[in-house]
Amino acid sequence: MAAETRTAPSYDFGVLNVSVSPAGVVHVEVNRPEALNAYSSQVWKELGACFGRFKSDGRVRCVVLSAAGRMFTAGLDLKEAATGPLGGRPDPDVDVARRGYYHRLFILEFQDAISAIETCDKPVIAVVHGACLGIGIDVISACDIRVASEDAYFVVKEVDIGMAADIGTLQRLPKVVANDSWVRDVCYTARKVPAKEALLVGLVSRLLPGKAEALEAAQDMAATIAAKSPVAVVSTKHLLNYSRDHSVREGL
């Protein structure tokens, strides 16, 4: 019987630059610098589709996620959101129940797109530089590892625009930093968290002088991971994620 052959997935996206190295390290760059990498629906939908494809791509062993331009992200694209399901004027011909139903479907699709980073079976390293606002925290908290440049800062911005950070920040951040008081502090106040504080509380594991150095450090780490047994690495990620959400006994 002939061996099964698979065609490598396509990574041709509009606002994502995706490259795969011979060693199996993928670099995903959010490329919307003219909008400060604000997350429009195109960005998060492409991100979800991209990470969903990594599962079936045997070339991929580790992923580095970064952003072009002068910051990681300015957060949600508020201009688009103001006219979309999150903030647009209700259609008077659609009753409240149906509006609520479709709004829920939109939120679930949004959440699933960001969760695709976490459920990707390959480790994901986020590289943060400049501002990381709002949805940026949802994204990086779904990653396995976070490194940052010294000019990076973080803001859970949602309360300032009358929203809860329910795309993943409120669910994942308490488990990332394991400090409930600090999480409530930053989520209630939307205050600016500088890079050194992020390192101190464990939001990031390394600080580098600038974006170039942070990206290089992440690429080096990814290359080290990619050189390990892929079965061992994938199994380790599955067990760590499962054990995080279950008791020790259940994780054994």
C-alpha atoms as a PDB file:
ATOM      1  CA  MET A   1       0.000   0.000   0.000  1.00  0.00           C
ATOM      2  CA  ALA A   2       1.366   3.397  -0.925  1.00  0.00           C
ATOM      3  CA  ALA A   3       2.287   5.713   1.919  1.00  0.00           C
ATOM      4  CA  GLU A   4      -0.183   8.511   2.602  1.00  0.00           C
ATOM      5  CA  THR A   5       0.969  11.886   1.362  1.00  0.00           C
ATOM      6  CA  ARG A   6      -0.263  15.224   2.625  1.00  0.00           C
ATOM      7  CA  THR A   7      -0.080  18.588   0.965  1.00  0.00           C
ATOM      8  CA  ALA A   8       1.380  21.243   3.253  1.00  0.00           C
ATOM      9  CA  PRO A   9      -1.273  23.790   4.268  1.00  0.00           C
ATOM     10  CA  SER A  10      -1.218  27.214   2.637  1.00  0.00           C
ATOM     11  CA  TYR A  11      -0.309  30.219   4.773  1.00  0.00           C
ATOM     12  CA  ASP A  12      -1.259  32.939   2.316  1.00  0.00           C
ATOM     13  CA  PHE A  13      -3.032  35.565   4.413  1.00  0.00           C
ATOM     14  CA  GLY A  14      -3.876  39.219   4.028  1.00  0.00           C
ATOM     15  CA  VAL A  15      -2.652  40.645   7.354  1.00  0.00           C
ATOM     16  CA  LEU A  16      -0.340  37.869   8.539  1.00  0.00           C
ATOM     17  CA  ASN A  17       3.179  37.226   7.318  1.00  0.00           C
ATOM     18  CA  VAL A  18       3.950  33.531   7.831  1.00  0.00           C
ATOM     19  CA  SER A  19       7.266  31.803   7.171  1.00  0.00           C
ATOM     20  CA  VAL A  20       8.409  28.246   7.929  1.00  0.00           C
ATOM     21  CA  SER A  21      12.106  27.555   8.444  1.00  0.00           C
ATOM     22  CA  PRO A  22      13.766  24.263   7.429  1.00  0.00           C
ATOM     23  CA  ALA A  23      14.137  23.519  11.163  1.00  0.00           C
ATOM     24  CA  GLY A  24      10.370  23.680  11.672  1.00  0.00           C
ATOM     25  CA  VAL A  25      10.176  27.103  13.327  1.00  0.00           C
ATOM     26  CA  VAL A  26       7.225  29.164  12.095  1.00  0.00           C
ATOM     27  CA  HIS A  27       7.216  32.936  12.385  1.00  0.00           C
ATOM     28  CA  VAL A  28       3.758  34.518  12.384  1.00  0.00           C
ATOM     29  CA  GLU A  29       3.832  38.306  12.161  1.00  0.00           C
ATOM     30  CA  VAL A  30       0.693  40.401  12.500  1.00  0.00           C
ATOM     31  CA  ASN A  31       1.220  42.953   9.744  1.00  0.00           C
ATOM     32  CA  ARG A  32      -1.116  45.895  10.144  1.00  0.00           C
ATOM     33  CA  PRO A  33       1.292  48.604  11.299  1.00  0.00           C
ATOM     34  CA  GLU A  34      -0.650  51.450   9.677  1.00  0.00           C
ATOM     35  CA  ALA A  35      -3.452  50.680  12.159  1.00  0.00           C
ATOM     36  CA  LEU A  36      -1.034  49.960  15.032  1.00  0.00           C
ATOM     37  CA  ASN A  37      -1.887  46.271  14.581  1.00  0.00           C
ATOM     38  CA  ALA A  38      -5.407  46.844  15.892  1.00  0.00           C
ATOM     39  CA  TYR A  39      -7.405  43.629  15.739  1.00  0.00           C
ATOM     40  CA  SER A  40     -10.065  43.876  13.063  1.00  0.00           C
ATOM     41  CA  SER A  41     -12.199  40.821  12.353  1.00  0.00           C
ATOM     42  CA  GLN A  42      -9.820  40.001   9.500  1.00  0.00           C
ATOM     43  CA  VAL A  43      -6.872  39.821  11.909  1.00  0.00           C
ATOM     44  CA  TRP A  44      -8.446  37.498  14.464  1.00  0.00           C
ATOM     45  CA  LYS A  45     -10.137  35.314  11.856  1.00  0.00           C
ATOM     46  CA  GLU A  46      -6.863  34.858   9.967  1.00  0.00           C
ATOM     47  CA  LEU A  47      -5.032  34.181  13.235  1.00  0.00           C
ATOM     48  CA  GLY A  48      -7.521  31.459  14.155  1.00  0.00           C
ATOM     49  CA  ALA A  49      -7.315  29.882  10.703  1.00  0.00           C
ATOM     50  CA  CYS A  50      -3.519  30.029  10.696  1.00  0.00           C
ATOM     51  CA  PHE A  51      -3.042  28.346  14.064  1.00  0.00           C
ATOM     52  CA  GLY A  52      -5.708  25.788  13.211  1.00  0.00           C
ATOM     53  CA  ARG A  53      -3.637  24.656  10.240  1.00  0.00           C
ATOM     54  CA  PHE A  54      -0.483  24.026  12.245  1.00  0.00           C
ATOM     55  CA  LYS A  55      -1.958  20.834  13.692  1.00  0.00           C
ATOM     56  CA  SER A  56      -1.944  19.134  10.298  1.00  0.00           C
ATOM     57  CA  ASP A  57       1.425  20.482   9.161  1.00  0.00           C
ATOM     58  CA  GLY A  58       4.168  18.023  10.032  1.00  0.00           C
ATOM     59  CA  ARG A  59       6.828  20.614   9.254  1.00  0.00           C
ATOM     60  CA  VAL A  60       5.807  22.802  12.185  1.00  0.00           C
ATOM     61  CA  ARG A  61       7.525  22.219  15.527  1.00  0.00           C
ATOM     62  CA  CYS A  62       7.383  25.599  17.250  1.00  0.00           C
ATOM     63  CA  VAL A  63       5.761  28.970  16.533  1.00  0.00           C
ATOM     64  CA  VAL A  64       6.954  32.528  17.170  1.00  0.00           C
ATOM     65  CA  LEU A  65       4.225  35.194  17.187  1.00  0.00           C
ATOM     66  CA  SER A  66       5.171  38.854  16.790  1.00  0.00           C
ATOM     67  CA  ALA A  67       3.897  42.069  15.213  1.00  0.00           C
ATOM     68  CA  ALA A  68       5.214  44.552  12.662  1.00  0.00           C
ATOM     69  CA  GLY A  69       5.689  48.256  13.268  1.00  0.00           C
ATOM     70  CA  ARG A  70       6.156  50.119  16.521  1.00  0.00           C
ATOM     71  CA  MET A  71       3.884  48.142  18.842  1.00  0.00           C
ATOM     72  CA  PHE A  72       2.457  44.675  19.406  1.00  0.00           C
ATOM     73  CA  THR A  73      -1.134  45.891  19.221  1.00  0.00           C
ATOM     74  CA  ALA A  74      -3.294  48.883  20.064  1.00  0.00           C
ATOM     75  CA  GLY A  75      -6.078  46.436  20.914  1.00  0.00           C
ATOM     76  CA  LEU A  76      -9.447  45.950  19.281  1.00  0.00           C
ATOM     77  CA  ASP A  77     -10.167  47.882  16.084  1.00  0.00           C
ATOM     78  CA  LEU A  78     -12.715  50.223  17.656  1.00  0.00           C
ATOM     79  CA  LYS A  79     -13.656  51.864  14.368  1.00  0.00           C
ATOM     80  CA  GLU A  80     -14.774  48.524  12.962  1.00  0.00           C
ATOM     81  CA  ALA A  81     -16.303  47.429  16.271  1.00  0.00           C
ATOM     82  CA  ALA A  82     -18.471  50.561  16.397  1.00  0.00           C
ATOM     83  CA  THR A  83     -20.309  49.458  13.264  1.00  0.00           C
ATOM     84  CA  GLY A  84     -20.182  45.694  13.823  1.00  0.00           C
ATOM     85  CA  PRO A  85     -21.863  43.174  16.142  1.00  0.00           C
ATOM     86  CA  LEU A  86     -20.140  44.581  19.240  1.00  0.00           C
ATOM     87  CA  GLY A  87     -21.318  48.161  18.906  1.00  0.00           C
ATOM     88  CA  GLY A  88     -23.363  48.747  15.788  1.00  0.00           C
ATOM     89  CA  ARG A  89     -26.850  50.202  15.801  1.00  0.00           C
ATOM     90  CA  PRO A  90     -29.406  47.390  16.251  1.00  0.00           C
ATOM     91  CA  ASP A  91     -31.489  46.478  13.233  1.00  0.00           C
ATOM     92  CA  PRO A  92     -35.064  47.494  14.166  1.00  0.00           C
ATOM     93  CA  ASP A  93     -36.403  44.644  12.044  1.00  0.00           C
ATOM     94  CA  VAL A  94     -34.589  42.025  14.168  1.00  0.00           C
ATOM     95  CA  ASP A  95     -36.039  41.209  17.588  1.00  0.00           C
ATOM     96  CA  VAL A  96     -33.981  41.323  20.783  1.00  0.00           C
ATOM     97  CA  ALA A  97     -33.796  37.538  21.167  1.00  0.00           C
ATOM     98  CA  ARG A  98     -32.357  37.044  17.697  1.00  0.00           C
ATOM     99  CA  ARG A  99     -29.916  39.926  18.139  1.00  0.00           C
ATOM    100  CA  GLY A 100     -28.692  38.331  21.359  1.00  0.00           C
ATOM    101  CA  TYR A 101     -28.373  34.956  19.676  1.00  0.00           C
ATOM    102  CA  TYR A 102     -26.281  36.281  16.788  1.00  0.00           C
ATOM    103  CA  HIS A 103     -24.211  38.412  19.142  1.00  0.00           C
ATOM    104  CA  ARG A 104     -23.399  35.278  21.137  1.00  0.00           C
ATOM    105  CA  LEU A 105     -22.376  33.409  17.978  1.00  0.00           C
ATOM    106  CA  PHE A 106     -20.031  36.274  17.088  1.00  0.00           C
ATOM    107  CA  ILE A 107     -18.404  36.240  20.541  1.00  0.00           C
ATOM    108  CA  LEU A 108     -17.975  32.458  20.437  1.00  0.00           C
ATOM    109  CA  GLU A 109     -16.320  32.679  17.019  1.00  0.00           C
ATOM    110  CA  PHE A 110     -13.994  35.400  18.328  1.00  0.00           C
ATOM    111  CA  GLN A 111     -13.118  33.356  21.425  1.00  0.00           C
ATOM    112  CA  ASP A 112     -12.486  30.224  19.361  1.00  0.00           C
ATOM    113  CA  ALA A 113     -10.112  32.108  17.054  1.00  0.00           C
ATOM    114  CA  ILE A 114      -7.939  33.228  19.971  1.00  0.00           C
ATOM    115  CA  SER A 115      -8.223  29.820  21.664  1.00  0.00           C
ATOM    116  CA  ALA A 116      -6.744  28.273  18.509  1.00  0.00           C
ATOM    117  CA  ILE A 117      -3.387  29.593  19.743  1.00  0.00           C
ATOM    118  CA  GLU A 118      -3.727  27.634  22.979  1.00  0.00           C
ATOM    119  CA  THR A 119      -5.108  24.484  21.343  1.00  0.00           C
ATOM    120  CA  CYS A 120      -2.396  24.479  18.689  1.00  0.00           C
ATOM    121  CA  ASP A 121      -0.356  21.421  19.667  1.00  0.00           C
ATOM    122  CA  LYS A 122       2.955  23.163  18.935  1.00  0.00           C
ATOM    123  CA  PRO A 123       4.473  25.551  21.522  1.00  0.00           C
ATOM    124  CA  VAL A 124       3.836  29.237  20.793  1.00  0.00           C
ATOM    125  CA  ILE A 125       6.228  31.997  21.881  1.00  0.00           C
ATOM    126  CA  ALA A 126       4.876  35.565  21.915  1.00  0.00           C
ATOM    127  CA  VAL A 127       7.279  38.450  21.320  1.00  0.00           C
ATOM    128  CA  VAL A 128       5.909  41.723  22.704  1.00  0.00           C
ATOM    129  CA  HIS A 129       7.300  45.167  21.925  1.00  0.00           C
ATOM    130  CA  GLY A 130       5.784  48.561  22.604  1.00  0.00           C
ATOM    131  CA  ALA A 131       2.135  48.614  23.611  1.00  0.00           C
ATOM    132  CA  CYS A 132       0.154  45.439  24.209  1.00  0.00           C
ATOM    133  CA  LEU A 133      -3.388  46.611  24.853  1.00  0.00           C
ATOM    134  CA  GLY A 134      -6.755  44.940  25.309  1.00  0.00           C
ATOM    135  CA  ILE A 135      -7.083  41.992  22.939  1.00  0.00           C
ATOM    136  CA  GLY A 136      -3.282  41.751  22.981  1.00  0.00           C
ATOM    137  CA  ILE A 137      -3.495  40.382  26.530  1.00  0.00           C
ATOM    138  CA  ASP A 138      -6.064  37.812  25.378  1.00  0.00           C
ATOM    139  CA  VAL A 139      -3.628  36.736  22.662  1.00  0.00           C
ATOM    140  CA  ILE A 140      -0.432  36.505  24.697  1.00  0.00           C
ATOM    141  CA  SER A 141      -2.138  34.747  27.612  1.00  0.00           C
ATOM    142  CA  ALA A 142      -3.099  31.988  25.145  1.00  0.00           C
ATOM    143  CA  CYS A 143       0.581  31.536  24.220  1.00  0.00           C
ATOM    144  CA  ASP A 144       2.936  29.113  25.956  1.00  0.00           C
ATOM    145  CA  ILE A 145       5.829  31.513  26.516  1.00  0.00           C
ATOM    146  CA  ARG A 146       6.093  35.303  26.488  1.00  0.00           C
ATOM    147  CA  VAL A 147       9.214  37.410  25.992  1.00  0.00           C
ATOM    148  CA  ALA A 148       9.280  41.182  25.677  1.00  0.00           C
ATOM    149  CA  SER A 149      11.438  44.173  24.899  1.00  0.00           C
ATOM    150  CA  GLU A 150      12.186  46.642  27.670  1.00  0.00           C
ATOM    151  CA  ASP A 151       9.896  49.242  26.076  1.00  0.00           C
ATOM    152  CA  ALA A 152       6.890  46.914  26.236  1.00  0.00           C
ATOM    153  CA  TYR A 153       3.902  47.698  28.415  1.00  0.00           C
ATOM    154  CA  PHE A 154       0.605  45.958  29.015  1.00  0.00           C
ATOM    155  CA  VAL A 155      -2.940  47.221  29.639  1.00  0.00           C
ATOM    156  CA  VAL A 156      -6.115  45.210  30.187  1.00  0.00           C
ATOM    157  CA  LYS A 157      -8.056  48.005  28.540  1.00  0.00           C
ATOM    158  CA  GLU A 158     -11.578  46.637  28.247  1.00  0.00           C
ATOM    159  CA  VAL A 159     -13.144  48.305  31.296  1.00  0.00           C
ATOM    160  CA  ASP A 160     -12.237  51.695  29.841  1.00  0.00           C
ATOM    161  CA  ILE A 161     -14.518  51.025  26.867  1.00  0.00           C
ATOM    162  CA  GLY A 162     -17.328  49.455  28.880  1.00  0.00           C
ATOM    163  CA  MET A 163     -16.514  45.813  28.236  1.00  0.00           C
ATOM    164  CA  ALA A 164     -15.260  42.765  30.120  1.00  0.00           C
ATOM    165  CA  ALA A 165     -12.110  41.087  28.801  1.00  0.00           C
ATOM    166  CA  ASP A 166     -14.014  37.912  28.000  1.00  0.00           C
ATOM    167  CA  ILE A 167     -12.091  36.772  24.913  1.00  0.00           C
ATOM    168  CA  GLY A 168      -9.649  34.970  27.196  1.00  0.00           C
ATOM    169  CA  THR A 169      -7.868  37.413  29.496  1.00  0.00           C
ATOM    170  CA  LEU A 170     -10.157  36.947  32.502  1.00  0.00           C
ATOM    171  CA  GLN A 171     -10.052  33.180  32.067  1.00  0.00           C
ATOM    172  CA  ARG A 172      -6.321  32.696  31.427  1.00  0.00           C
ATOM    173  CA  LEU A 173      -4.459  35.553  33.078  1.00  0.00           C
ATOM    174  CA  PRO A 174      -5.099  34.310  36.668  1.00  0.00           C
ATOM    175  CA  LYS A 175      -3.474  31.006  35.711  1.00  0.00           C
ATOM    176  CA  VAL A 176      -0.584  32.664  33.903  1.00  0.00           C
ATOM    177  CA  VAL A 177       0.553  34.824  36.824  1.00  0.00           C
ATOM    178  CA  ALA A 178      -1.013  32.951  39.795  1.00  0.00           C
ATOM    179  CA  ASN A 179      -1.616  36.193  41.697  1.00  0.00           C
ATOM    180  CA  ASP A 180      -5.329  36.883  42.057  1.00  0.00           C
ATOM    181  CA  SER A 181      -4.853  40.264  43.728  1.00  0.00           C
ATOM    182  CA  TRP A 182      -2.599  41.536  40.942  1.00  0.00           C
ATOM    183  CA  VAL A 183      -4.952  40.256  38.228  1.00  0.00           C
ATOM    184  CA  ARG A 184      -7.916  42.045  39.802  1.00  0.00           C
ATOM    185  CA  ASP A 185      -5.808  45.176  40.231  1.00  0.00           C
ATOM    186  CA  VAL A 186      -4.921  45.441  36.535  1.00  0.00           C
ATOM    187  CA  CYS A 187      -8.301  44.261  35.234  1.00  0.00           C
ATOM    188  CA  TYR A 188     -10.351  46.647  37.391  1.00  0.00           C
ATOM    189  CA  THR A 189      -8.134  49.719  36.905  1.00  0.00           C
ATOM    190  CA  ALA A 190      -6.862  49.243  33.318  1.00  0.00           C
ATOM    191  CA  ARG A 191      -3.570  50.673  34.518  1.00  0.00           C
ATOM    192  CA  LYS A 192      -0.352  50.536  32.528  1.00  0.00           C
ATOM    193  CA  VAL A 193       1.942  47.637  33.481  1.00  0.00           C
ATOM    194  CA  PRO A 194       5.581  48.283  32.529  1.00  0.00           C
ATOM    195  CA  ALA A 195       7.830  45.501  31.276  1.00  0.00           C
ATOM    196  CA  LYS A 196       9.769  45.164  34.520  1.00  0.00           C
ATOM    197  CA  GLU A 197       6.570  44.617  36.513  1.00  0.00           C
ATOM    198  CA  ALA A 198       5.390  42.090  33.918  1.00  0.00           C
ATOM    199  CA  LEU A 199       8.631  40.177  34.449  1.00  0.00           C
ATOM    200  CA  LEU A 200       8.320  40.408  38.233  1.00  0.00           C
ATOM    201  CA  VAL A 201       4.822  38.874  38.318  1.00  0.00           C
ATOM    202  CA  GLY A 202       5.607  36.237  35.692  1.00  0.00           C
ATOM    203  CA  LEU A 203       3.558  37.568  32.790  1.00  0.00           C
ATOM    204  CA  VAL A 204       6.740  37.380  30.713  1.00  0.00           C
ATOM    205  CA  SER A 205       9.761  35.165  31.309  1.00  0.00           C
ATOM    206  CA  ARG A 206      12.457  37.286  29.666  1.00  0.00           C
ATOM    207  CA  LEU A 207      13.162  40.947  28.936  1.00  0.00           C
ATOM    208  CA  LEU A 208      15.482  42.020  26.129  1.00  0.00           C
ATOM    209  CA  PRO A 209      16.765  45.524  25.296  1.00  0.00           C
ATOM    210  CA  GLY A 210      14.754  45.935  22.081  1.00  0.00           C
ATOM    211  CA  LYS A 211      12.421  44.285  19.615  1.00  0.00           C
ATOM    212  CA  ALA A 212      15.223  42.825  17.486  1.00  0.00           C
ATOM    213  CA  GLU A 213      16.870  41.227  20.506  1.00  0.00           C
ATOM    214  CA  ALA A 214      13.558  39.880  21.813  1.00  0.00           C
ATOM    215  CA  LEU A 215      12.729  38.362  18.436  1.00  0.00           C
ATOM    216  CA  GLU A 216      16.189  36.820  18.183  1.00  0.00           C
ATOM    217  CA  ALA A 217      15.883  35.334  21.677  1.00  0.00           C
ATOM    218  CA  ALA A 218      12.482  33.863  20.787  1.00  0.00           C
ATOM    219  CA  GLN A 219      13.812  32.415  17.533  1.00  0.00           C
ATOM    220  CA  ASP A 220      16.743  30.829  19.388  1.00  0.00           C
ATOM    221  CA  MET A 221      14.388  29.343  21.977  1.00  0.00           C
ATOM    222  CA  ALA A 222      12.090  28.063  19.235  1.00  0.00           C
ATOM    223  CA  ALA A 223      15.034  26.451  17.433  1.00  0.00           C
ATOM    224  CA  THR A 224      16.023  24.679  20.650  1.00  0.00           C
ATOM    225  CA  ILE A 225      12.469  23.378  21.106  1.00  0.00           C
ATOM    226  CA  ALA A 226      12.223  22.369  17.440  1.00  0.00           C
ATOM    227  CA  ALA A 227      15.330  20.214  17.815  1.00  0.00           C
ATOM    228  CA  LYS A 228      13.660  18.072  20.500  1.00  0.00           C
ATOM    229  CA  SER A 229      11.447  15.050  19.904  1.00  0.00           C
ATOM    230  CA  PRO A 230       8.201  16.488  18.466  1.00  0.00           C
ATOM    231  CA  VAL A 231       6.154  13.744  20.128  1.00  0.00           C
ATOM    232  CA  ALA A 232       7.686  14.566  23.509  1.00  0.00           C
ATOM    233  CA  VAL A 233       7.111  18.297  23.079  1.00  0.00           C
ATOM    234  CA  VAL A 234       3.499  17.921  21.923  1.00  0.00           C
ATOM    235  CA  SER A 235       2.765  15.488  24.765  1.00  0.00           C
ATOM    236  CA  THR A 236       4.330  17.871  27.269  1.00  0.00           C
ATOM    237  CA  LYS A 237       2.132  20.741  26.076  1.00  0.00           C
ATOM    238  CA  HIS A 238      -1.007  18.608  26.244  1.00  0.00           C
ATOM    239  CA  LEU A 239      -0.193  17.441  29.780  1.00  0.00           C
ATOM    240  CA  LEU A 240       0.693  20.931  31.023  1.00  0.00           C
ATOM    241  CA  ASN A 241      -2.535  22.394  29.632  1.00  0.00           C
ATOM    242  CA  TYR A 242      -4.651  19.541  30.991  1.00  0.00           C
ATOM    243  CA  SER A 243      -3.012  19.611  34.425  1.00  0.00           C
ATOM    244  CA  ARG A 244      -3.471  23.376  34.674  1.00  0.00           C
ATOM    245  CA  ASP A 245      -7.244  22.891  34.540  1.00  0.00           C
ATOM    246  CA  HIS A 246      -7.475  19.677  36.611  1.00  0.00           C
ATOM    247  CA  SER A 247      -6.260  18.223  39.896  1.00  0.00           C
ATOM    248  CA  VAL A 248      -2.898  16.493  40.232  1.00  0.00           C
ATOM    249  CA  ARG A 249      -4.665  13.134  40.513  1.00  0.00           C
ATOM    250  CA  GLU A 250      -6.628  13.770  37.316  1.00  0.00           C
ATOM    251  CA  GLY A 251      -3.468  14.830  35.525  1.00  0.00           C
ATOM    252  CA  LEU A 252      -1.578  11.640  36.371  1.00  0.00           C
END
